[in-house]
Structure formats: structure tokens, C-alpha cells
């Protein structure tokens, strides 16, 4: 199920006999304040589109050294392959936050909640074949495909620091969902996520406002609730 949000348009394709490549596009109501750890246009910015791109499990990114920004802050460290994919869809890469997963968009989950004028929506795609324990044992030469992508849309406005706080709160909720579901690494450790997870948080409207987004705040509580519920539905 995809949510009904004023000013936001969702477009989803599914894998076909012609090939696996497919995606979810979220068209936002104008250029919206965003914080993201996505490979395309991650960081802070104002963006019009979110693209969650599903790739074949054998897909490999370009050499990350080719994408690294030597002068931090001058230009974004972008994923050129996803930028090209966005442009082929008619999305201007400079206005698009791009995520990558091997999970089918058919398995996309959604949870929404509201309280005291705030409305929060979380869309999740989750693969746990690459489950990892932060601080635990995980040799990278044994990594497999698996990513959790979280898109958190907030009908309200968080301050820049609160956007970062919301990303942290979403990550805490992800860890709680992994623990509750009993997801473990191949070494038997309790998993906290995968090695390639991303979080994207977007301000959709100007009101209400908050300078904080921890779990003791209304927006933070709703972020945690919706992330937990969306992930729980995938496990």
C-alpha cells in the first residue's frame, strides 16, 4: 500500500519478463528539505524526487574511488550509474535522491501515524541477507546482498539538527525491529542492520515545527513508531 499525502505522487514499477530493473519514484511538493545517506545526492539539500532503484543481485557499483569527493563540501559524492538511471526516467539527477536495493518494490512496506498535528510516513524496503552486528564480527570479504532503505516523510518541519536527529531515531527503531524479529548474522550475533543501510528524512510542510526529533518528542516518537511498524511488516 502506498500512502495518500497531499502534494506527493508515488510511482512504482515491478520486475517483468524483460528484466529485473524497476523502481519507486516519490515526487515531492516542490524542493523539500532533506537529509539522506543515499548514494546519489546524500547529505543535506533540497530535492524534488526520491528514487528507490531495485537492481539485480549481481549488480556492482562503480569503483567508489571514482565517486569520492576530494574537496568535501564542493560537490556531492554521487553514484553516476544511478544518476544516469534517473535521467533515463526523466528525473533531473541534480534534483533526485537516489537509493539502491536488490529488494523488489513488490515487497515495499508502509506505516503512517499522526499526533498533535504531526503526520509521519515511512516507506521501507528491507533485505537481511547481509545482516550485520555493529561492533561485532563481520569480515567484508564475506558480505552478501542485502540493504534496508528507509524513506521517512514528515508533514511538518524539523530543524537541520532535528533532521539528523530523526535519522538517528529511525536507526534506533530499525535496530529495535531487527532485535524483535530475531534477525541474526551468519555468526549468530543479534543483527543491528545490514552493511549498506540508508535513511532519508524529508520535511514536506512548514508546520508544525520542532528543533528536536528524539523519541521523547512527538515527531521523533512517530518516526520511531512508523519505522518499527514498516520494518516489522517485512520480517
Protein backbone atom coordinates (compact mmCIF):
# COMPACT_ATOMS: atom_id res chain seq x y z
CA UNK A 1 0.00 0.00 0.00
CA UNK A 2 1.20 3.49 -0.83
CA UNK A 3 0.08 6.47 1.27
CA UNK A 4 -2.19 9.32 0.23
CA UNK A 5 -0.30 12.54 1.04
CA UNK A 6 -1.28 15.97 -0.23
CA UNK A 7 1.12 17.14 -2.93
CA UNK A 8 3.09 13.87 -3.05
CA UNK A 9 2.91 11.48 -6.00
CA UNK A 10 4.10 7.87 -5.94
CA UNK A 11 5.01 5.83 -9.00
CA UNK A 12 6.07 2.20 -8.67
CA UNK A 13 7.13 -0.34 -11.29
CA UNK A 14 7.69 -4.07 -10.76
CA UNK A 15 10.07 -6.63 -12.27
CA UNK A 16 8.98 -8.13 -15.56
CA UNK A 17 9.94 -10.82 -18.03
CA UNK A 18 12.02 -8.20 -19.81
CA UNK A 19 14.29 -7.73 -16.80
CA UNK A 20 14.60 -7.13 -13.08
CA UNK A 21 15.35 -3.39 -13.05
CA UNK A 22 12.44 -1.43 -11.55
CA UNK A 23 11.86 1.33 -9.03
CA UNK A 24 9.78 3.55 -6.78
CA UNK A 25 9.61 7.28 -7.52
CA UNK A 26 8.35 9.75 -4.93
CA UNK A 27 7.61 13.18 -6.37
CA UNK A 28 7.65 15.74 -3.57
CA UNK A 29 5.66 19.00 -3.44
CA UNK A 30 8.48 21.19 -4.69
CA UNK A 31 12.07 21.30 -3.48
CA UNK A 32 11.91 19.86 0.05
CA UNK A 33 14.49 19.95 2.82
CA UNK A 34 16.10 16.54 3.00
CA UNK A 35 18.84 14.69 4.85
CA UNK A 36 19.94 11.36 3.48
CA UNK A 37 22.68 8.75 3.48
CA UNK A 38 21.70 7.66 -0.06
CA UNK A 39 24.48 7.14 -2.63
CA UNK A 40 23.02 9.72 -5.01
CA UNK A 41 22.77 13.23 -3.52
CA UNK A 42 23.17 12.10 0.07
CA UNK A 43 23.73 14.72 2.77
CA UNK A 44 21.69 17.91 3.23
CA UNK A 45 19.81 19.53 0.39
CA UNK A 46 16.51 20.47 -1.21
CA UNK A 47 15.19 17.85 -3.62
CA UNK A 48 12.10 17.23 -5.72
CA UNK A 49 12.34 13.47 -6.27
CA UNK A 50 13.24 10.33 -4.31
CA UNK A 51 14.20 7.26 -6.33
CA UNK A 52 14.44 3.79 -4.77
CA UNK A 53 16.02 1.73 -7.51
CA UNK A 54 15.94 -2.08 -7.46
CA UNK A 55 18.90 -3.77 -9.13
CA UNK A 56 19.86 -7.35 -9.89
CA UNK A 57 21.75 -9.06 -7.04
CA UNK A 58 24.78 -9.33 -9.32
CA UNK A 59 24.87 -5.55 -9.85
CA UNK A 60 28.04 -3.83 -8.69
CA UNK A 61 28.64 -0.12 -8.22
CA UNK A 62 31.42 1.74 -10.00
CA UNK A 63 34.74 1.92 -8.17
CA UNK A 64 33.92 4.05 -5.09
CA UNK A 65 37.24 5.87 -5.52
CA UNK A 66 35.84 7.32 -8.75
CA UNK A 67 32.91 8.83 -6.81
CA UNK A 68 34.78 10.17 -3.80
CA UNK A 69 34.76 13.95 -3.42
CA UNK A 70 38.33 15.07 -2.75
CA UNK A 71 37.21 18.54 -1.60
CA UNK A 72 34.44 17.88 0.90
CA UNK A 73 31.57 20.31 0.50
CA UNK A 74 32.43 21.46 -3.02
CA UNK A 75 30.41 18.86 -4.91
CA UNK A 76 28.33 15.85 -3.90
CA UNK A 77 29.85 12.37 -3.88
CA UNK A 78 27.37 10.83 -6.27
CA UNK A 79 26.60 7.45 -7.80
CA UNK A 80 26.93 8.12 -11.55
CA UNK A 81 25.14 4.91 -12.55
CA UNK A 82 22.02 5.81 -10.56
CA UNK A 83 22.24 9.38 -11.86
CA UNK A 84 22.08 8.03 -15.41
CA UNK A 85 19.18 5.74 -14.46
CA UNK A 86 17.27 8.73 -13.04
CA UNK A 87 17.87 10.77 -16.19
CA UNK A 88 16.55 7.92 -18.35
CA UNK A 89 13.35 8.08 -16.31
CA UNK A 90 13.07 11.81 -16.98
CA UNK A 91 14.17 12.81 -13.48
CA UNK A 92 16.81 15.55 -13.26
CA UNK A 93 19.65 13.87 -11.37
CA UNK A 94 20.53 17.12 -9.58
CA UNK A 95 17.04 17.17 -8.02
CA UNK A 96 16.89 13.46 -7.16
CA UNK A 97 17.95 11.50 -4.08
CA UNK A 98 18.79 8.01 -5.31
CA UNK A 99 18.74 4.79 -3.28
CA UNK A 100 19.74 1.29 -4.40
CA UNK A 101 18.42 -2.11 -3.29
CA UNK A 102 18.08 -5.65 -4.59
CA UNK A 103 14.67 -5.96 -2.87
CA UNK A 104 11.63 -5.98 -5.14
CA UNK A 105 9.33 -2.99 -4.91
CA UNK A 106 6.56 -5.57 -4.62
CA UNK A 107 7.87 -6.06 -1.06
CA UNK A 108 7.78 -2.36 -0.18
CA UNK A 109 6.07 -1.73 3.15
CA UNK A 110 4.45 1.40 4.58
CA UNK A 111 3.42 2.67 8.01
CA UNK A 112 1.94 6.03 8.94
CA UNK A 113 0.93 7.74 12.18
CA UNK A 114 -0.21 11.13 13.41
CA UNK A 115 -0.32 13.02 16.70
CA UNK A 116 -0.70 16.64 17.79
CA UNK A 117 -0.70 17.98 14.25
CA UNK A 118 2.26 15.90 13.09
CA UNK A 119 1.92 13.20 10.44
CA UNK A 120 4.81 10.86 9.64
CA UNK A 121 5.03 8.28 6.86
CA UNK A 122 7.72 5.61 6.47
CA UNK A 123 8.35 3.51 3.36
CA UNK A 124 10.76 0.61 3.73
CA UNK A 125 12.47 -1.98 1.58
CA UNK A 126 14.45 -4.48 3.61
CA UNK A 127 16.76 -7.31 2.68
CA UNK A 128 18.54 -9.07 5.53
CA UNK A 129 20.81 -11.49 3.64
CA UNK A 130 23.65 -9.13 4.56
CA UNK A 131 22.68 -8.81 8.23
CA UNK A 132 25.43 -7.35 10.40
CA UNK A 133 26.03 -6.52 14.04
CA UNK A 134 27.51 -3.07 14.62
CA UNK A 135 30.63 -3.58 16.74
CA UNK A 136 30.53 -7.31 16.08
CA UNK A 137 32.26 -9.69 13.72
CA UNK A 138 31.69 -9.07 10.03
CA UNK A 139 34.52 -9.59 7.52
CA UNK A 140 33.67 -7.61 4.42
CA UNK A 141 35.07 -10.28 2.11
CA UNK A 142 32.10 -12.45 3.09
CA UNK A 143 29.40 -9.83 2.54
CA UNK A 144 26.28 -10.75 0.58
CA UNK A 145 23.47 -8.71 -0.99
CA UNK A 146 21.10 -7.03 1.46
CA UNK A 147 20.07 -3.46 2.24
CA UNK A 148 17.49 -1.63 4.34
CA UNK A 149 16.30 1.61 2.73
CA UNK A 150 14.10 3.85 4.88
CA UNK A 151 12.23 6.85 3.48
CA UNK A 152 10.64 8.99 6.20
CA UNK A 153 8.26 11.73 5.05
CA UNK A 154 7.29 14.29 7.68
CA UNK A 155 4.26 16.55 7.38
CA UNK A 156 5.91 19.24 9.43
CA UNK A 157 9.29 20.95 9.57
CA UNK A 158 12.28 19.77 11.55
CA UNK A 159 15.32 21.99 12.01
CA UNK A 160 18.54 20.84 10.31
CA UNK A 161 19.84 19.31 13.53
CA UNK A 162 16.45 17.67 14.15
CA UNK A 163 16.56 16.12 10.67
CA UNK A 164 19.81 14.45 11.70
CA UNK A 165 18.16 13.50 14.99
CA UNK A 166 15.25 11.94 13.11
CA UNK A 167 17.68 9.85 11.05
CA UNK A 168 19.23 8.68 14.31
CA UNK A 169 15.83 7.90 15.79
CA UNK A 170 14.91 5.94 12.65
CA UNK A 171 18.12 3.94 13.03
CA UNK A 172 17.32 3.18 16.68
CA UNK A 173 13.89 1.92 15.61
CA UNK A 174 15.48 -0.21 12.88
CA UNK A 175 17.76 -1.85 15.48
CA UNK A 176 14.75 -2.50 17.74
CA UNK A 177 12.83 -4.08 14.84
CA UNK A 178 15.77 -6.32 13.96
CA UNK A 179 16.08 -7.41 17.58
CA UNK A 180 12.36 -8.08 17.98
CA UNK A 181 12.32 -10.16 14.80
CA UNK A 182 15.30 -12.20 15.97
CA UNK A 183 17.41 -11.37 12.90
CA UNK A 184 20.96 -12.67 13.35
CA UNK A 185 24.21 -12.50 11.43
CA UNK A 186 25.76 -15.60 9.89
CA UNK A 187 27.89 -15.75 13.03
CA UNK A 188 24.84 -15.93 15.32
CA UNK A 189 25.08 -12.37 16.59
CA UNK A 190 21.97 -10.23 17.07
CA UNK A 191 21.85 -8.07 13.95
CA UNK A 192 21.53 -4.28 14.09
CA UNK A 193 21.01 -3.80 10.35
CA UNK A 194 22.98 -4.57 7.21
CA UNK A 195 26.26 -3.16 5.93
CA UNK A 196 24.65 -0.84 3.35
CA UNK A 197 21.54 0.64 5.01
CA UNK A 198 20.30 4.15 4.20
CA UNK A 199 17.92 6.60 5.84
CA UNK A 200 16.26 9.55 4.07
CA UNK A 201 14.19 12.08 6.03
CA UNK A 202 12.15 14.78 4.28
CA UNK A 203 10.29 17.88 5.52
CA UNK A 204 7.10 18.10 3.48
CA UNK A 205 5.44 21.16 5.03
CA UNK A 206 6.28 24.25 7.07
CA UNK A 207 4.20 23.47 10.13
CA UNK A 208 4.29 22.26 12.85
CA UNK A 209 7.93 22.82 13.72
CA UNK A 210 10.40 21.21 16.09
CA UNK A 211 14.11 21.70 16.88
CA UNK A 212 14.31 18.13 18.18
CA UNK A 213 13.36 14.66 16.98
CA UNK A 214 14.37 12.25 19.72
CA UNK A 215 12.00 9.58 21.00
CA UNK A 216 10.67 11.92 23.73
CA UNK A 217 9.35 14.36 21.09
CA UNK A 218 6.16 13.94 19.09
CA UNK A 219 7.87 13.84 15.67
CA UNK A 220 10.61 11.53 16.95
CA UNK A 221 8.08 9.22 18.57
CA UNK A 222 6.17 9.00 15.29
CA UNK A 223 9.35 8.38 13.29
CA UNK A 224 10.28 5.52 15.60
CA UNK A 225 6.76 4.07 15.55
CA UNK A 226 6.40 4.11 11.77
CA UNK A 227 9.91 2.78 11.07
CA UNK A 228 9.40 -0.04 13.55
CA UNK A 229 6.00 -0.94 12.10
CA UNK A 230 7.15 -0.75 8.47
CA UNK A 231 10.15 -2.98 9.14
CA UNK A 232 8.23 -5.42 11.30
CA UNK A 233 5.86 -5.93 8.36
CA UNK A 234 8.79 -7.05 6.19
CA UNK A 235 10.24 -9.65 8.56
